[in-house]
Amino acid sequence: MTDSPAKRRIVSSRHLADGDNWQASEFEYGLIIANNAFNRWMQRCMAASGGAELSPLEILVLHNTNHRDREKRMSDIAFLLNIEDSHTVTYALRKLVKLDLISAEKRGKEVFYKTTDQGRALCTKYRDVRAQCLLESLPHTGLNGDELRDIAASLRALSGLYDQASRAAASL
């Protein structure tokens, strides 16, 4: 099957783009590219903020821990970030504690995490770099706030579809 230049399919794996719903492959390739660009962006933004040693997951865990200035358990963070492998979150938390960006307090069998003053300051610096390097450019994309919210809602809905499909595949 040959696509005309106007209908060329932009996919990472042509063998997954045959038949009905081939657009899902184009969407998945978009996710791959966006995920890699977002991870690269987070690391470079954090490096410019003073946290060059942090991985994308550690950056997400730091921001989630800082969210609303509330203590969180590892399971809360993993749930909110939709991370199934809790060991990766535990490793990130340990590194962030070691860097004095978050603190840990054990209460019974639970450990609660919160950002330290140094962690909050790093999150604030990240916010400032993000505003300067990313948010100032957003108006030039032609997307307004409502459109970004609609895209975000669609991505959340599609993540549920992929989660359900992953459960179905695990049962095969």
C-alpha atoms as a PDB file:
ATOM      1  CA  MET A   1       0.000   0.000   0.000  1.00  0.00           C
ATOM      2  CA  THR A   2       1.442   3.349  -1.039  1.00  0.00           C
ATOM      3  CA  ASP A   3       0.328   6.597   0.517  1.00  0.00           C
ATOM      4  CA  SER A   4       0.170   9.761  -1.524  1.00  0.00           C
ATOM      5  CA  PRO A   5       2.450  12.524  -0.201  1.00  0.00           C
ATOM      6  CA  ALA A   6      -0.611  14.360   1.136  1.00  0.00           C
ATOM      7  CA  LYS A   7      -1.751  11.248   3.024  1.00  0.00           C
ATOM      8  CA  ARG A   8       1.681   9.973   4.091  1.00  0.00           C
ATOM      9  CA  ARG A   9       1.491   8.174   7.398  1.00  0.00           C
ATOM     10  CA  ILE A  10       4.027   9.315   9.950  1.00  0.00           C
ATOM     11  CA  VAL A  11       4.590   6.246  12.087  1.00  0.00           C
ATOM     12  CA  SER A  12       7.513   4.547  13.795  1.00  0.00           C
ATOM     13  CA  SER A  13       6.515   1.028  12.749  1.00  0.00           C
ATOM     14  CA  ARG A  14       4.836   0.668   9.379  1.00  0.00           C
ATOM     15  CA  HIS A  15       3.789  -2.905  10.161  1.00  0.00           C
ATOM     16  CA  LEU A  16       1.561  -1.532  12.947  1.00  0.00           C
ATOM     17  CA  ALA A  17      -0.117   0.999  10.661  1.00  0.00           C
ATOM     18  CA  ASP A  18      -1.965  -1.329   8.303  1.00  0.00           C
ATOM     19  CA  GLY A  19      -5.731  -1.682   8.151  1.00  0.00           C
ATOM     20  CA  ASP A  20      -8.436   0.106  10.059  1.00  0.00           C
ATOM     21  CA  ASN A  21      -7.444   2.488  12.816  1.00  0.00           C
ATOM     22  CA  TRP A  22      -3.961   2.991  11.400  1.00  0.00           C
ATOM     23  CA  GLN A  23      -4.150   6.481  12.890  1.00  0.00           C
ATOM     24  CA  ALA A  24      -3.466   4.920  16.299  1.00  0.00           C
ATOM     25  CA  SER A  25       0.080   4.201  15.080  1.00  0.00           C
ATOM     26  CA  GLU A  26       0.500   7.811  14.058  1.00  0.00           C
ATOM     27  CA  PHE A  27      -0.753   8.894  17.491  1.00  0.00           C
ATOM     28  CA  GLU A  28       1.627   6.460  19.227  1.00  0.00           C
ATOM     29  CA  TYR A  29       4.573   7.811  17.250  1.00  0.00           C
ATOM     30  CA  GLY A  30       3.540  11.310  18.307  1.00  0.00           C
ATOM     31  CA  LEU A  31       3.535  10.125  21.923  1.00  0.00           C
ATOM     32  CA  ILE A  32       7.020   8.639  21.529  1.00  0.00           C
ATOM     33  CA  ILE A  33       8.401  11.867  20.107  1.00  0.00           C
ATOM     34  CA  ALA A  34       6.566  14.040  22.658  1.00  0.00           C
ATOM     35  CA  ASN A  35       7.679  11.838  25.572  1.00  0.00           C
ATOM     36  CA  ASN A  36      11.329  12.008  24.537  1.00  0.00           C
ATOM     37  CA  ALA A  37      11.140  15.762  23.919  1.00  0.00           C
ATOM     38  CA  PHE A  38       9.408  16.315  27.274  1.00  0.00           C
ATOM     39  CA  ASN A  39      11.996  14.241  29.149  1.00  0.00           C
ATOM     40  CA  ARG A  40      14.829  16.148  27.444  1.00  0.00           C
ATOM     41  CA  TRP A  41      13.085  19.443  28.252  1.00  0.00           C
ATOM     42  CA  MET A  42      12.631  18.567  31.931  1.00  0.00           C
ATOM     43  CA  GLN A  43      16.281  17.642  32.328  1.00  0.00           C
ATOM     44  CA  ARG A  44      17.564  20.760  30.589  1.00  0.00           C
ATOM     45  CA  CYS A  45      15.155  23.023  32.459  1.00  0.00           C
ATOM     46  CA  MET A  46      16.207  21.420  35.735  1.00  0.00           C
ATOM     47  CA  ALA A  47      19.890  21.697  34.794  1.00  0.00           C
ATOM     48  CA  ALA A  48      19.396  25.422  34.113  1.00  0.00           C
ATOM     49  CA  SER A  49      17.715  25.629  37.531  1.00  0.00           C
ATOM     50  CA  GLY A  50      20.651  24.006  39.328  1.00  0.00           C
ATOM     51  CA  GLY A  51      19.583  20.357  39.428  1.00  0.00           C
ATOM     52  CA  ALA A  52      21.620  18.850  36.592  1.00  0.00           C
ATOM     53  CA  GLU A  53      21.991  15.493  38.364  1.00  0.00           C
ATOM     54  CA  LEU A  54      18.248  14.690  38.305  1.00  0.00           C
ATOM     55  CA  SER A  55      16.618  12.233  35.906  1.00  0.00           C
ATOM     56  CA  PRO A  56      13.182  12.888  34.384  1.00  0.00           C
ATOM     57  CA  LEU A  57      11.529  10.575  36.923  1.00  0.00           C
ATOM     58  CA  GLU A  58      13.302  12.276  39.824  1.00  0.00           C
ATOM     59  CA  ILE A  59      12.149  15.655  38.523  1.00  0.00           C
ATOM     60  CA  LEU A  60       8.551  14.433  38.315  1.00  0.00           C
ATOM     61  CA  VAL A  61       8.752  12.946  41.815  1.00  0.00           C
ATOM     62  CA  LEU A  62      10.211  16.187  43.200  1.00  0.00           C
ATOM     63  CA  HIS A  63       7.472  18.328  41.642  1.00  0.00           C
ATOM     64  CA  ASN A  64       4.761  15.893  42.751  1.00  0.00           C
ATOM     65  CA  THR A  65       6.131  15.866  46.295  1.00  0.00           C
ATOM     66  CA  ASN A  66       6.157  19.674  46.254  1.00  0.00           C
ATOM     67  CA  HIS A  67       2.574  19.824  44.916  1.00  0.00           C
ATOM     68  CA  ARG A  68       0.293  21.741  47.293  1.00  0.00           C
ATOM     69  CA  ASP A  69       2.968  21.616  50.011  1.00  0.00           C
ATOM     70  CA  ARG A  70       1.475  18.406  51.440  1.00  0.00           C
ATOM     71  CA  GLU A  71       3.229  15.319  52.720  1.00  0.00           C
ATOM     72  CA  LYS A  72       2.916  12.278  50.474  1.00  0.00           C
ATOM     73  CA  ARG A  73       3.587   8.576  50.698  1.00  0.00           C
ATOM     74  CA  MET A  74       5.489   6.731  47.984  1.00  0.00           C
ATOM     75  CA  SER A  75       2.274   4.957  46.963  1.00  0.00           C
ATOM     76  CA  ASP A  76       0.493   8.315  46.542  1.00  0.00           C
ATOM     77  CA  ILE A  77       3.252   9.612  44.281  1.00  0.00           C
ATOM     78  CA  ALA A  78       3.345   6.433  42.187  1.00  0.00           C
ATOM     79  CA  PHE A  79      -0.448   6.486  41.854  1.00  0.00           C
ATOM     80  CA  LEU A  80      -0.667  10.134  40.851  1.00  0.00           C
ATOM     81  CA  LEU A  81       2.109   9.736  38.274  1.00  0.00           C
ATOM     82  CA  ASN A  82       0.569   6.443  37.024  1.00  0.00           C
ATOM     83  CA  ILE A  83       3.773   4.509  37.689  1.00  0.00           C
ATOM     84  CA  GLU A  84       3.317   0.786  38.163  1.00  0.00           C
ATOM     85  CA  ASP A  85       6.909  -0.041  39.160  1.00  0.00           C
ATOM     86  CA  SER A  86       7.040   1.447  42.641  1.00  0.00           C
ATOM     87  CA  HIS A  87      10.711   0.505  42.995  1.00  0.00           C
ATOM     88  CA  THR A  88      11.656   3.258  40.546  1.00  0.00           C
ATOM     89  CA  VAL A  89       9.767   5.803  42.647  1.00  0.00           C
ATOM     90  CA  THR A  90      11.399   4.493  45.834  1.00  0.00           C
ATOM     91  CA  TYR A  91      14.841   4.865  44.233  1.00  0.00           C
ATOM     92  CA  ALA A  92      14.005   8.417  43.106  1.00  0.00           C
ATOM     93  CA  LEU A  93      12.792   9.327  46.604  1.00  0.00           C
ATOM     94  CA  ARG A  94      15.985   7.971  48.178  1.00  0.00           C
ATOM     95  CA  LYS A  95      18.132  10.020  45.815  1.00  0.00           C
ATOM     96  CA  LEU A  96      16.077  13.168  46.468  1.00  0.00           C
ATOM     97  CA  VAL A  97      16.424  12.645  50.235  1.00  0.00           C
ATOM     98  CA  LYS A  98      20.176  12.160  49.835  1.00  0.00           C
ATOM     99  CA  LEU A  99      20.353  15.441  47.878  1.00  0.00           C
ATOM    100  CA  ASP A 100      18.358  17.164  50.673  1.00  0.00           C
ATOM    101  CA  LEU A 101      15.590  18.129  48.235  1.00  0.00           C
ATOM    102  CA  ILE A 102      12.960  16.206  50.180  1.00  0.00           C
ATOM    103  CA  SER A 103      12.753  14.849  53.706  1.00  0.00           C
ATOM    104  CA  ALA A 104      11.356  11.549  54.910  1.00  0.00           C
ATOM    105  CA  GLU A 105       9.541  10.872  58.168  1.00  0.00           C
ATOM    106  CA  LYS A 106       8.571   7.367  59.209  1.00  0.00           C
ATOM    107  CA  ARG A 107       5.290   7.032  61.117  1.00  0.00           C
ATOM    108  CA  GLY A 108       4.497   3.455  61.980  1.00  0.00           C
ATOM    109  CA  LYS A 109       4.903   1.451  58.800  1.00  0.00           C
ATOM    110  CA  GLU A 110       4.411   4.474  56.518  1.00  0.00           C
ATOM    111  CA  VAL A 111       7.027   6.941  55.310  1.00  0.00           C
ATOM    112  CA  PHE A 112       5.879  10.458  54.468  1.00  0.00           C
ATOM    113  CA  TYR A 113       7.850  12.745  52.160  1.00  0.00           C
ATOM    114  CA  LYS A 114       7.837  16.507  51.786  1.00  0.00           C
ATOM    115  CA  THR A 115      10.066  19.010  50.062  1.00  0.00           C
ATOM    116  CA  THR A 116      12.770  20.758  52.026  1.00  0.00           C
ATOM    117  CA  ASP A 117      13.464  24.476  51.726  1.00  0.00           C
ATOM    118  CA  GLN A 118      16.171  23.586  49.193  1.00  0.00           C
ATOM    119  CA  GLY A 119      13.703  21.417  47.235  1.00  0.00           C
ATOM    120  CA  ARG A 120      11.054  24.148  47.195  1.00  0.00           C
ATOM    121  CA  ALA A 121      13.639  26.687  46.030  1.00  0.00           C
ATOM    122  CA  LEU A 122      14.689  24.369  43.190  1.00  0.00           C
ATOM    123  CA  CYS A 123      11.044  23.893  42.151  1.00  0.00           C
ATOM    124  CA  THR A 124      10.585  27.688  42.169  1.00  0.00           C
ATOM    125  CA  LYS A 125      13.689  28.190  40.029  1.00  0.00           C
ATOM    126  CA  TYR A 126      12.421  25.482  37.621  1.00  0.00           C
ATOM    127  CA  ARG A 127       9.097  27.343  37.409  1.00  0.00           C
ATOM    128  CA  ASP A 128      10.937  30.556  36.540  1.00  0.00           C
ATOM    129  CA  VAL A 129      13.072  28.901  33.831  1.00  0.00           C
ATOM    130  CA  ARG A 130       9.943  27.181  32.472  1.00  0.00           C
ATOM    131  CA  ALA A 131       8.131  30.494  32.254  1.00  0.00           C
ATOM    132  CA  GLN A 132      11.022  32.141  30.442  1.00  0.00           C
ATOM    133  CA  CYS A 133      11.918  29.350  28.015  1.00  0.00           C
ATOM    134  CA  LEU A 134       8.610  27.591  27.398  1.00  0.00           C
ATOM    135  CA  LEU A 135       5.562  29.523  28.481  1.00  0.00           C
ATOM    136  CA  GLU A 136       6.571  32.735  26.722  1.00  0.00           C
ATOM    137  CA  SER A 137       6.593  30.771  23.438  1.00  0.00           C
ATOM    138  CA  LEU A 138       3.191  29.104  23.884  1.00  0.00           C
ATOM    139  CA  PRO A 139       1.123  31.960  22.408  1.00  0.00           C
ATOM    140  CA  HIS A 140       3.073  31.564  19.165  1.00  0.00           C
ATOM    141  CA  THR A 141       1.844  27.962  18.761  1.00  0.00           C
ATOM    142  CA  GLY A 142      -1.706  29.079  18.043  1.00  0.00           C
ATOM    143  CA  LEU A 143      -2.979  27.009  20.968  1.00  0.00           C
ATOM    144  CA  ASN A 144      -4.906  28.782  23.691  1.00  0.00           C
ATOM    145  CA  GLY A 145      -5.444  27.643  27.265  1.00  0.00           C
ATOM    146  CA  ASP A 146      -8.784  25.966  26.562  1.00  0.00           C
ATOM    147  CA  GLU A 147      -7.285  23.993  23.677  1.00  0.00           C
ATOM    148  CA  LEU A 148      -4.404  22.838  25.874  1.00  0.00           C
ATOM    149  CA  ARG A 149      -6.920  21.724  28.521  1.00  0.00           C
ATOM    150  CA  ASP A 150      -8.839  19.771  25.853  1.00  0.00           C
ATOM    151  CA  ILE A 151      -5.636  18.074  24.694  1.00  0.00           C
ATOM    152  CA  ALA A 152      -4.772  17.219  28.300  1.00  0.00           C
ATOM    153  CA  ALA A 153      -8.243  15.737  28.861  1.00  0.00           C
ATOM    154  CA  SER A 154      -7.902  13.654  25.691  1.00  0.00           C
ATOM    155  CA  LEU A 155      -4.495  12.381  26.797  1.00  0.00           C
ATOM    156  CA  ARG A 156      -5.884  11.384  30.198  1.00  0.00           C
ATOM    157  CA  ALA A 157      -8.778   9.555  28.534  1.00  0.00           C
ATOM    158  CA  LEU A 158      -6.432   7.763  26.155  1.00  0.00           C
ATOM    159  CA  SER A 159      -4.145   6.794  29.039  1.00  0.00           C
ATOM    160  CA  GLY A 160      -7.128   4.974  30.541  1.00  0.00           C
ATOM    161  CA  LEU A 161      -7.644   3.141  27.261  1.00  0.00           C
ATOM    162  CA  TYR A 162      -3.968   2.106  27.190  1.00  0.00           C
ATOM    163  CA  ASP A 163      -4.128   1.036  30.865  1.00  0.00           C
ATOM    164  CA  GLN A 164      -7.145  -1.158  30.120  1.00  0.00           C
ATOM    165  CA  ALA A 165      -5.444  -2.616  27.050  1.00  0.00           C
ATOM    166  CA  SER A 166      -2.348  -3.398  29.118  1.00  0.00           C
ATOM    167  CA  ARG A 167      -4.491  -5.286  31.636  1.00  0.00           C
ATOM    168  CA  ALA A 168      -6.116  -7.202  28.797  1.00  0.00           C
ATOM    169  CA  ALA A 169      -2.727  -8.046  27.272  1.00  0.00           C
ATOM    170  CA  ALA A 170      -1.438  -9.244  30.660  1.00  0.00           C
ATOM    171  CA  SER A 171      -4.314 -11.718  30.842  1.00  0.00           C
ATOM    172  CA  LEU A 172      -3.519 -13.349  27.483  1.00  0.00           C
END
